[in-house]
Protein backbone atom coordinates (compact mmCIF):
# COMPACT_ATOMS: atom_id res chain seq x y z
CA UNK A 1 -8.08 45.34 0.24
CA UNK A 2 -5.55 45.80 3.07
CA UNK A 3 -7.66 43.61 5.37
CA UNK A 4 -7.83 40.85 2.73
CA UNK A 5 -4.06 41.00 2.19
CA UNK A 6 -3.38 40.80 5.94
CA UNK A 7 -5.77 37.86 6.29
CA UNK A 8 -4.10 36.02 3.42
CA UNK A 9 -0.70 36.80 4.86
CA UNK A 10 -1.61 35.35 8.25
CA UNK A 11 -3.25 32.32 6.67
CA UNK A 12 -0.16 31.42 4.65
CA UNK A 13 2.51 32.40 7.17
CA UNK A 14 4.27 29.11 7.96
CA UNK A 15 6.24 30.45 10.89
CA UNK A 16 6.55 33.43 13.17
CA UNK A 17 8.33 34.32 16.36
CA UNK A 18 6.17 31.97 18.46
CA UNK A 19 6.65 29.04 16.09
CA UNK A 20 10.31 29.94 15.64
CA UNK A 21 10.86 29.42 19.37
CA UNK A 22 9.15 26.03 19.23
CA UNK A 23 11.09 24.90 16.14
CA UNK A 24 14.51 25.29 17.77
CA UNK A 25 15.13 28.92 16.84
CA UNK A 26 16.98 30.84 19.55
CA UNK A 27 16.33 34.54 20.20
CA UNK A 28 14.93 34.90 16.68
CA UNK A 29 11.97 36.57 15.00
CA UNK A 30 10.93 35.58 11.48
CA UNK A 31 8.43 37.75 9.59
CA UNK A 32 6.97 37.28 6.12
CA UNK A 33 7.16 40.83 4.73
CA UNK A 34 5.92 40.28 1.17
CA UNK A 35 4.70 37.57 -1.16
CA UNK A 36 3.09 37.34 -4.55
CA UNK A 37 2.66 34.92 -7.39
CA UNK A 38 4.94 35.63 -10.33
CA UNK A 39 2.64 36.56 -13.22
CA UNK A 40 5.08 35.45 -15.92
CA UNK A 41 6.12 32.18 -14.24
CA UNK A 42 3.00 30.09 -13.55
CA UNK A 43 3.19 28.10 -10.32
CA UNK A 44 6.03 30.17 -8.81
CA UNK A 45 5.90 32.79 -6.06
CA UNK A 46 8.28 35.29 -4.54
CA UNK A 47 8.39 35.45 -0.74
CA UNK A 48 10.48 37.94 1.22
CA UNK A 49 11.27 37.06 4.83
CA UNK A 50 12.89 39.29 7.45
CA UNK A 51 14.97 37.31 9.95
CA UNK A 52 15.93 39.18 13.13
CA UNK A 53 18.41 37.58 15.50
CA UNK A 54 18.92 39.00 18.96
CA UNK A 55 22.38 38.77 20.50
CA UNK A 56 23.53 35.15 20.29
CA UNK A 57 20.39 34.20 18.35
CA UNK A 58 20.19 31.69 15.54
CA UNK A 59 18.27 29.12 13.55
CA UNK A 60 18.56 25.36 13.77
CA UNK A 61 20.16 23.46 10.93
CA UNK A 62 17.55 23.37 8.16
CA UNK A 63 16.71 23.07 4.50
CA UNK A 64 14.08 24.55 2.23
CA UNK A 65 11.64 23.03 -0.26
CA UNK A 66 13.34 21.46 -3.28
CA UNK A 67 11.80 24.22 -5.43
CA UNK A 68 13.35 27.09 -3.45
CA UNK A 69 16.04 29.43 -4.75
CA UNK A 70 17.08 31.95 -2.08
CA UNK A 71 18.91 35.25 -2.10
CA UNK A 72 19.90 36.40 1.41
CA UNK A 73 21.32 39.84 2.32
CA UNK A 74 22.52 40.98 5.74
CA UNK A 75 20.82 44.26 6.62
CA UNK A 76 22.32 44.85 10.06
CA UNK A 77 25.10 43.31 12.12
CA UNK A 78 26.84 40.11 11.06
CA UNK A 79 25.54 36.60 10.32
CA UNK A 80 27.51 33.35 10.49
CA UNK A 81 26.39 30.99 7.75
CA UNK A 82 27.33 27.56 6.43
CA UNK A 83 25.63 25.97 3.44
CA UNK A 84 26.29 22.36 2.40
CA UNK A 85 29.98 21.41 2.61
CA UNK A 86 31.18 24.98 2.08
CA UNK A 87 33.16 26.77 4.76
CA UNK A 88 31.42 28.61 7.57
CA UNK A 89 31.55 32.31 6.75
CA UNK A 90 30.60 35.53 8.52
CA UNK A 91 28.66 37.98 6.36
CA UNK A 92 28.63 41.66 7.33
CA UNK A 93 25.85 44.18 6.69
CA UNK A 94 25.60 44.74 2.93
CA UNK A 95 26.94 41.28 1.99
CA UNK A 96 24.80 38.51 0.49
CA UNK A 97 24.75 34.87 -0.59
CA UNK A 98 22.48 32.50 -2.50
CA UNK A 99 21.12 29.07 -1.78
CA UNK A 100 20.11 26.71 -4.56
CA UNK A 101 17.27 24.19 -4.49
CA UNK A 102 18.13 21.29 -2.20
CA UNK A 103 20.89 23.12 -0.28
CA UNK A 104 21.36 22.31 3.41
CA UNK A 105 21.77 25.41 5.62
CA UNK A 106 23.76 24.02 8.52
CA UNK A 107 24.60 27.28 10.36
CA UNK A 108 22.64 30.54 10.50
CA UNK A 109 23.48 32.58 13.58
CA UNK A 110 24.10 36.09 14.77
CA UNK A 111 27.88 36.48 14.90
CA UNK A 112 27.57 38.75 17.95
CA UNK A 113 26.54 37.97 21.50
CA UNK A 114 26.00 41.69 22.25
CA UNK A 115 24.33 43.26 19.18
CA UNK A 116 21.31 42.28 17.05
CA UNK A 117 21.51 41.18 13.41
CA UNK A 118 18.97 41.21 10.57
CA UNK A 119 18.82 39.57 7.18
CA UNK A 120 16.36 39.61 4.32
CA UNK A 121 15.82 36.29 2.56
CA UNK A 122 14.04 36.40 -0.81
CA UNK A 123 12.66 33.07 -2.00
CA UNK A 124 11.52 32.05 -5.47
CA UNK A 125 9.53 28.93 -4.68
CA UNK A 126 6.66 26.80 -5.93
CA UNK A 127 3.43 28.54 -4.92
CA UNK A 128 2.17 25.25 -3.45
CA UNK A 129 5.12 25.10 -1.01
CA UNK A 130 3.67 26.86 2.05
CA UNK A 131 6.35 25.87 4.56
CA UNK A 132 9.67 27.32 3.45
CA UNK A 133 11.94 26.56 6.44
CA UNK A 134 12.20 22.89 7.43
CA UNK A 135 14.35 22.28 10.55
CA UNK A 136 16.42 19.08 10.52
CA UNK A 137 15.13 16.27 12.69
C-alpha cells in the first residue's frame, strides 16, 4: 500500500525542488505532503504542500487553477506575501492567509536573508487540476 501511495504521489507531483529551480523559484523546495479526493465533494481534492524557502528564497509571481481555494500558514520564519491589489504583508510563524479562486500571488518570499522559512499551503482544488502553481509568463 505504501509503495502504491508513493508511486501515485510521484506520478501526480507537478513540481519539486528541481522543477522549482527551473520555473523561476529561488532557493526554494516545494513538496507535496498529502493529497486525497474529498469523499463528500465529488471532483474535488485536498492537496497539502510544504514550501521551504532558504535565506532570500522565493517564488515567482504566479496564480493557481481557477478551481483552487488555498489556506496558507507560516510554520517557521517569516514570509512576505502580496495577493492581487492588496498590500504586501509579512506573515510571521503562526500567522495565515487565504487565497480565493483566480487570485494572483504577486509576491511570496522569505522575509529574511539569513534564516530559512517554511509555509504549509492547503489547496481545495478540482481533482483534474494536476498543476497547482502556474508561474506568470
